[in-house]
Amino acid sequence: MFRVKNYRQGREKVLAACDEEVLGRQLSEGKLRLHVNPDFYDGFPATEEEFEAQIRTCTIANLVGERVVGLAIRLGFVAKENVIRIEGVPHAQWALYL
């Protein structure tokens, strides 16, 4: 299960999504820092199908976790070479440029 939250910023629809088990973690490796902040990521629980519906309608996505990033890769939204890992946890950002 994933946690997902949607935002509107002007014309942009932003999707924040993470695997449930990384929610609340503070990741740190070298100069990289990422807080998987519940205030930002914890909107509602979502299945793979619900996540897919959300990412297909967003213009920007911020993703953290093995399953959610893996699904975004399988769906063709994220390229493997654009994924970074912090403490072994994958993180990817995606934007639709029109």
C-alpha atoms as a PDB file:
ATOM      1  CA  MET A   1       0.000   0.000   0.000  1.00  0.00           C
ATOM      2  CA  PHE A   2       1.101   3.551  -0.735  1.00  0.00           C
ATOM      3  CA  ARG A   3       0.376   6.887   0.881  1.00  0.00           C
ATOM      4  CA  VAL A   4      -0.486   9.632  -1.603  1.00  0.00           C
ATOM      5  CA  LYS A   5      -1.356  13.292  -1.385  1.00  0.00           C
ATOM      6  CA  ASN A   6      -2.312  15.782  -4.085  1.00  0.00           C
ATOM      7  CA  TYR A   7      -1.574  19.490  -4.256  1.00  0.00           C
ATOM      8  CA  ARG A   8      -2.418  22.320  -6.624  1.00  0.00           C
ATOM      9  CA  GLN A   9       0.210  24.971  -7.352  1.00  0.00           C
ATOM     10  CA  GLY A  10      -1.101  27.291 -10.038  1.00  0.00           C
ATOM     11  CA  ARG A  11      -1.566  25.145 -13.152  1.00  0.00           C
ATOM     12  CA  GLU A  12       0.441  22.285 -11.667  1.00  0.00           C
ATOM     13  CA  LYS A  13      -1.045  19.201 -10.028  1.00  0.00           C
ATOM     14  CA  VAL A  14       1.588  17.784  -7.675  1.00  0.00           C
ATOM     15  CA  LEU A  15       1.494  14.198  -6.439  1.00  0.00           C
ATOM     16  CA  ALA A  16       3.475  13.154  -3.358  1.00  0.00           C
ATOM     17  CA  ALA A  17       3.592   9.379  -2.891  1.00  0.00           C
ATOM     18  CA  CYS A  18       5.568   6.946  -0.767  1.00  0.00           C
ATOM     19  CA  ASP A  19       5.569   3.361   0.426  1.00  0.00           C
ATOM     20  CA  GLU A  20       3.774   3.222   3.788  1.00  0.00           C
ATOM     21  CA  GLU A  21       6.798   1.834   5.642  1.00  0.00           C
ATOM     22  CA  VAL A  22       9.026   4.829   4.795  1.00  0.00           C
ATOM     23  CA  LEU A  23       6.483   7.431   5.919  1.00  0.00           C
ATOM     24  CA  GLY A  24       7.999   9.549   8.690  1.00  0.00           C
ATOM     25  CA  ARG A  25      11.591   8.390   8.106  1.00  0.00           C
ATOM     26  CA  GLN A  26      14.478  10.828   7.986  1.00  0.00           C
ATOM     27  CA  LEU A  27      16.966   9.613   5.392  1.00  0.00           C
ATOM     28  CA  SER A  28      20.544  10.850   5.267  1.00  0.00           C
ATOM     29  CA  GLU A  29      23.527   9.826   3.155  1.00  0.00           C
ATOM     30  CA  GLY A  30      26.495  12.072   2.467  1.00  0.00           C
ATOM     31  CA  LYS A  31      25.125  15.477   1.508  1.00  0.00           C
ATOM     32  CA  LEU A  32      21.669  14.082   0.725  1.00  0.00           C
ATOM     33  CA  ARG A  33      18.852  14.533   3.239  1.00  0.00           C
ATOM     34  CA  LEU A  34      15.199  13.609   2.851  1.00  0.00           C
ATOM     35  CA  HIS A  35      12.455  13.674   5.461  1.00  0.00           C
ATOM     36  CA  VAL A  36       9.489  11.609   4.296  1.00  0.00           C
ATOM     37  CA  ASN A  37       7.293  14.038   6.168  1.00  0.00           C
ATOM     38  CA  PRO A  38       3.734  12.865   6.900  1.00  0.00           C
ATOM     39  CA  ASP A  39       2.543  16.463   6.476  1.00  0.00           C
ATOM     40  CA  PHE A  40       3.652  16.278   2.824  1.00  0.00           C
ATOM     41  CA  TYR A  41       3.119  12.607   1.875  1.00  0.00           C
ATOM     42  CA  ASP A  42       0.274  11.297   4.058  1.00  0.00           C
ATOM     43  CA  GLY A  43      -2.973  12.122   2.301  1.00  0.00           C
ATOM     44  CA  PHE A  44      -4.703   8.767   1.864  1.00  0.00           C
ATOM     45  CA  PRO A  45      -3.846   5.080   1.391  1.00  0.00           C
ATOM     46  CA  ALA A  46      -3.728   3.952  -2.230  1.00  0.00           C
ATOM     47  CA  THR A  47      -3.453   0.678  -4.117  1.00  0.00           C
ATOM     48  CA  GLU A  48      -1.310   0.299  -7.227  1.00  0.00           C
ATOM     49  CA  GLU A  49      -4.360   1.025  -9.380  1.00  0.00           C
ATOM     50  CA  GLU A  50      -5.232   4.163  -7.419  1.00  0.00           C
ATOM     51  CA  PHE A  51      -1.620   5.367  -7.590  1.00  0.00           C
ATOM     52  CA  GLU A  52      -1.592   4.793 -11.361  1.00  0.00           C
ATOM     53  CA  ALA A  53      -4.762   6.864 -11.772  1.00  0.00           C
ATOM     54  CA  GLN A  54      -3.201   9.681  -9.718  1.00  0.00           C
ATOM     55  CA  ILE A  55       0.157   9.757 -11.531  1.00  0.00           C
ATOM     56  CA  ARG A  56      -1.583   9.789 -14.916  1.00  0.00           C
ATOM     57  CA  THR A  57      -3.320  13.068 -14.004  1.00  0.00           C
ATOM     58  CA  CYS A  58      -0.473  14.908 -12.261  1.00  0.00           C
ATOM     59  CA  THR A  59       2.121  17.244 -13.783  1.00  0.00           C
ATOM     60  CA  ILE A  60       4.741  16.774 -11.039  1.00  0.00           C
ATOM     61  CA  ALA A  61       5.408  13.741  -8.834  1.00  0.00           C
ATOM     62  CA  ASN A  62       7.665  13.275  -5.805  1.00  0.00           C
ATOM     63  CA  LEU A  63       8.107   9.567  -5.028  1.00  0.00           C
ATOM     64  CA  VAL A  64       9.880   7.645  -2.233  1.00  0.00           C
ATOM     65  CA  GLY A  65      10.144   3.883  -1.703  1.00  0.00           C
ATOM     66  CA  GLU A  66      10.925   0.637  -3.531  1.00  0.00           C
ATOM     67  CA  ARG A  67       7.361  -0.191  -4.570  1.00  0.00           C
ATOM     68  CA  VAL A  68       6.113   3.238  -5.597  1.00  0.00           C
ATOM     69  CA  VAL A  69       9.267   4.134  -7.540  1.00  0.00           C
ATOM     70  CA  GLY A  70       9.342   0.647  -9.083  1.00  0.00           C
ATOM     71  CA  LEU A  71       5.745   1.028 -10.234  1.00  0.00           C
ATOM     72  CA  ALA A  72       6.461   4.486 -11.698  1.00  0.00           C
ATOM     73  CA  ILE A  73       9.345   2.901 -13.639  1.00  0.00           C
ATOM     74  CA  ARG A  74       7.167   0.035 -14.911  1.00  0.00           C
ATOM     75  CA  LEU A  75       4.490   2.526 -15.987  1.00  0.00           C
ATOM     76  CA  GLY A  76       7.092   4.523 -17.945  1.00  0.00           C
ATOM     77  CA  PHE A  77       7.017   7.717 -15.881  1.00  0.00           C
ATOM     78  CA  VAL A  78      10.497   7.403 -14.367  1.00  0.00           C
ATOM     79  CA  ALA A  79      13.728   6.136 -15.949  1.00  0.00           C
ATOM     80  CA  LYS A  80      15.885   3.901 -13.718  1.00  0.00           C
ATOM     81  CA  GLU A  81      18.918   6.139 -14.289  1.00  0.00           C
ATOM     82  CA  ASN A  82      17.030   9.092 -12.780  1.00  0.00           C
ATOM     83  CA  VAL A  83      16.460   7.397  -9.421  1.00  0.00           C
ATOM     84  CA  ILE A  84      18.683   8.282  -6.482  1.00  0.00           C
ATOM     85  CA  ARG A  85      19.009   6.225  -3.319  1.00  0.00           C
ATOM     86  CA  ILE A  86      19.352   7.625   0.162  1.00  0.00           C
ATOM     87  CA  GLU A  87      20.137   4.992   2.794  1.00  0.00           C
ATOM     88  CA  GLY A  88      19.166   2.475   0.106  1.00  0.00           C
ATOM     89  CA  VAL A  89      15.656   3.953  -0.317  1.00  0.00           C
ATOM     90  CA  PRO A  90      14.797   5.035  -3.883  1.00  0.00           C
ATOM     91  CA  HIS A  91      13.665   8.610  -4.516  1.00  0.00           C
ATOM     92  CA  ALA A  92      12.501  10.014  -7.841  1.00  0.00           C
ATOM     93  CA  GLN A  93      10.933  13.201  -9.074  1.00  0.00           C
ATOM     94  CA  TRP A  94       8.974  13.442 -12.295  1.00  0.00           C
ATOM     95  CA  ALA A  95       7.602  16.421 -14.199  1.00  0.00           C
ATOM     96  CA  LEU A  96       5.506  16.705 -17.343  1.00  0.00           C
ATOM     97  CA  TYR A  97       6.781  19.443 -19.588  1.00  0.00           C
ATOM     98  CA  LEU A  98       4.239  20.689 -22.115  1.00  0.00           C
END
